[in-house]
Amino acid sequence: MLAGDVAAKRFAPTKWREGYDQGQVDDFLDRVRATLAAYERGRPAEPLTAEDVTMSRFRPTRFRDGYDQDEVDDFLDQVVVELRQHEARWSSGA
């Protein structure tokens, strides 16, 4: 997964059922994208960690626009796997 993959990711909108606050998700994904971009350049300054992603929580929405919770959660699971790989390489000095 590259930073561009995160930037291009789109989630199904929700309105009449519970979703995640779009602004919060978008802001968080900006941090994910920045972290992956830093790894791509070989120098993470203050990287977002897999633990940060695991602990992330978003305000639920109902009767207003949100993102499908399952889609967001599934994507963040992929992000966790990717960040763990980067963290392992970085800590081993690669």
C-alpha atoms as a PDB file:
ATOM      1  CA  MET A   1       0.000   0.000   0.000  1.00  0.00           C
ATOM      2  CA  LEU A   2       1.328   3.397  -1.003  1.00  0.00           C
ATOM      3  CA  ALA A   3       0.411   6.912   0.078  1.00  0.00           C
ATOM      4  CA  GLY A   4      -1.355   7.346  -3.264  1.00  0.00           C
ATOM      5  CA  ASP A   5      -3.570   4.362  -2.510  1.00  0.00           C
ATOM      6  CA  VAL A   6      -4.765   6.062   0.656  1.00  0.00           C
ATOM      7  CA  ALA A   7      -5.363   9.346  -1.177  1.00  0.00           C
ATOM      8  CA  ALA A   8      -7.421   7.549  -3.820  1.00  0.00           C
ATOM      9  CA  LYS A   9      -9.511   5.496  -1.377  1.00  0.00           C
ATOM     10  CA  ARG A  10     -13.260   6.186  -1.404  1.00  0.00           C
ATOM     11  CA  PHE A  11     -15.894   4.812   0.950  1.00  0.00           C
ATOM     12  CA  ALA A  12     -19.601   4.293   0.401  1.00  0.00           C
ATOM     13  CA  PRO A  13     -21.599   7.142   1.924  1.00  0.00           C
ATOM     14  CA  THR A  14     -24.263   6.517   4.535  1.00  0.00           C
ATOM     15  CA  LYS A  15     -27.118   8.726   5.605  1.00  0.00           C
ATOM     16  CA  TRP A  16     -30.026   6.700   6.925  1.00  0.00           C
ATOM     17  CA  ARG A  17     -27.881   4.259   8.865  1.00  0.00           C
ATOM     18  CA  GLU A  18     -24.985   4.754  11.201  1.00  0.00           C
ATOM     19  CA  GLY A  19     -21.659   5.669   9.646  1.00  0.00           C
ATOM     20  CA  TYR A  20     -18.395   7.332  10.636  1.00  0.00           C
ATOM     21  CA  ASP A  21     -17.961  11.093  10.591  1.00  0.00           C
ATOM     22  CA  GLN A  22     -16.465  11.871   7.187  1.00  0.00           C
ATOM     23  CA  GLY A  23     -14.305  14.757   8.369  1.00  0.00           C
ATOM     24  CA  GLN A  24     -12.713  12.712  11.125  1.00  0.00           C
ATOM     25  CA  VAL A  25     -12.014   9.793   8.800  1.00  0.00           C
ATOM     26  CA  ASP A  26     -10.594  12.081   6.103  1.00  0.00           C
ATOM     27  CA  ASP A  27      -8.339  13.863   8.621  1.00  0.00           C
ATOM     28  CA  PHE A  28      -7.086  10.546   9.978  1.00  0.00           C
ATOM     29  CA  LEU A  29      -6.413   9.207   6.492  1.00  0.00           C
ATOM     30  CA  ASP A  30      -4.390  12.355   5.772  1.00  0.00           C
ATOM     31  CA  ARG A  31      -2.146  11.331   8.676  1.00  0.00           C
ATOM     32  CA  VAL A  32      -1.936   7.769   7.320  1.00  0.00           C
ATOM     33  CA  ARG A  33      -1.045   9.087   3.871  1.00  0.00           C
ATOM     34  CA  ALA A  34       1.641  11.386   5.297  1.00  0.00           C
ATOM     35  CA  THR A  35       3.167   8.523   7.271  1.00  0.00           C
ATOM     36  CA  LEU A  36       3.274   6.209   4.254  1.00  0.00           C
ATOM     37  CA  ALA A  37       4.743   8.998   2.117  1.00  0.00           C
ATOM     38  CA  ALA A  38       7.473   9.482   4.728  1.00  0.00           C
ATOM     39  CA  TYR A  39       8.252   5.757   4.692  1.00  0.00           C
ATOM     40  CA  GLU A  40       8.381   5.886   0.888  1.00  0.00           C
ATOM     41  CA  ARG A  41      10.990   8.641   1.175  1.00  0.00           C
ATOM     42  CA  GLY A  42      12.814   6.544   3.754  1.00  0.00           C
ATOM     43  CA  ARG A  43      12.486   8.943   6.646  1.00  0.00           C
ATOM     44  CA  PRO A  44       9.479   8.830   8.950  1.00  0.00           C
ATOM     45  CA  ALA A  45       9.650  11.869  11.234  1.00  0.00           C
ATOM     46  CA  GLU A  46       6.728  11.308  13.573  1.00  0.00           C
ATOM     47  CA  PRO A  47       5.013   8.328  12.000  1.00  0.00           C
ATOM     48  CA  LEU A  48       1.538   7.180  12.814  1.00  0.00           C
ATOM     49  CA  THR A  49       1.899   3.696  14.288  1.00  0.00           C
ATOM     50  CA  ALA A  50      -0.136   0.555  13.782  1.00  0.00           C
ATOM     51  CA  GLU A  51      -1.192   0.947  17.419  1.00  0.00           C
ATOM     52  CA  ASP A  52      -2.457   4.488  16.670  1.00  0.00           C
ATOM     53  CA  VAL A  53      -4.614   3.078  13.883  1.00  0.00           C
ATOM     54  CA  THR A  54      -5.893   0.250  16.061  1.00  0.00           C
ATOM     55  CA  MET A  55      -6.856   2.712  18.806  1.00  0.00           C
ATOM     56  CA  SER A  56      -8.521   5.218  16.461  1.00  0.00           C
ATOM     57  CA  ARG A  57     -12.194   5.975  17.012  1.00  0.00           C
ATOM     58  CA  PHE A  58     -14.565   8.054  14.925  1.00  0.00           C
ATOM     59  CA  ARG A  59     -17.740   9.844  15.888  1.00  0.00           C
ATOM     60  CA  PRO A  60     -20.780   7.925  14.626  1.00  0.00           C
ATOM     61  CA  THR A  61     -23.285   9.607  12.326  1.00  0.00           C
ATOM     62  CA  ARG A  62     -26.944   8.964  11.722  1.00  0.00           C
ATOM     63  CA  PHE A  63     -29.322  10.944   9.513  1.00  0.00           C
ATOM     64  CA  ARG A  64     -26.361  12.833   8.099  1.00  0.00           C
ATOM     65  CA  ASP A  65     -23.585  11.910   5.706  1.00  0.00           C
ATOM     66  CA  GLY A  66     -21.051   9.416   6.971  1.00  0.00           C
ATOM     67  CA  TYR A  67     -18.818   6.657   5.665  1.00  0.00           C
ATOM     68  CA  ASP A  68     -19.721   2.993   5.763  1.00  0.00           C
ATOM     69  CA  GLN A  69     -18.217   1.701   8.995  1.00  0.00           C
ATOM     70  CA  ASP A  70     -17.344  -1.768   7.714  1.00  0.00           C
ATOM     71  CA  GLU A  71     -15.515  -0.365   4.690  1.00  0.00           C
ATOM     72  CA  VAL A  72     -13.510   2.048   6.842  1.00  0.00           C
ATOM     73  CA  ASP A  73     -12.695  -0.662   9.405  1.00  0.00           C
ATOM     74  CA  ASP A  74     -11.622  -3.122   6.690  1.00  0.00           C
ATOM     75  CA  PHE A  75      -9.373  -0.534   5.077  1.00  0.00           C
ATOM     76  CA  LEU A  76      -7.829   0.414   8.414  1.00  0.00           C
ATOM     77  CA  ASP A  77      -7.090  -3.278   9.034  1.00  0.00           C
ATOM     78  CA  GLN A  78      -5.042  -3.208   5.815  1.00  0.00           C
ATOM     79  CA  VAL A  79      -3.307  -0.033   6.979  1.00  0.00           C
ATOM     80  CA  VAL A  80      -2.362  -1.728  10.272  1.00  0.00           C
ATOM     81  CA  VAL A  81      -0.738  -4.619   8.393  1.00  0.00           C
ATOM     82  CA  GLU A  82       1.189  -2.203   6.174  1.00  0.00           C
ATOM     83  CA  LEU A  83       2.376  -0.054   9.079  1.00  0.00           C
ATOM     84  CA  ARG A  84       3.499  -3.103  11.055  1.00  0.00           C
ATOM     85  CA  GLN A  85       5.633  -4.151   8.098  1.00  0.00           C
ATOM     86  CA  HIS A  86       7.209  -0.696   7.897  1.00  0.00           C
ATOM     87  CA  GLU A  87       7.734  -0.595  11.654  1.00  0.00           C
ATOM     88  CA  ALA A  88       9.458  -3.998  11.593  1.00  0.00           C
ATOM     89  CA  ARG A  89      11.765  -2.935   8.742  1.00  0.00           C
ATOM     90  CA  TRP A  90      12.520   0.406  10.396  1.00  0.00           C
ATOM     91  CA  SER A  91      13.292  -1.131  13.798  1.00  0.00           C
ATOM     92  CA  SER A  92      15.576  -3.719  12.205  1.00  0.00           C
ATOM     93  CA  GLY A  93      17.579  -0.942  10.560  1.00  0.00           C
ATOM     94  CA  ALA A  94      16.646  -1.821   6.991  1.00  0.00           C
END
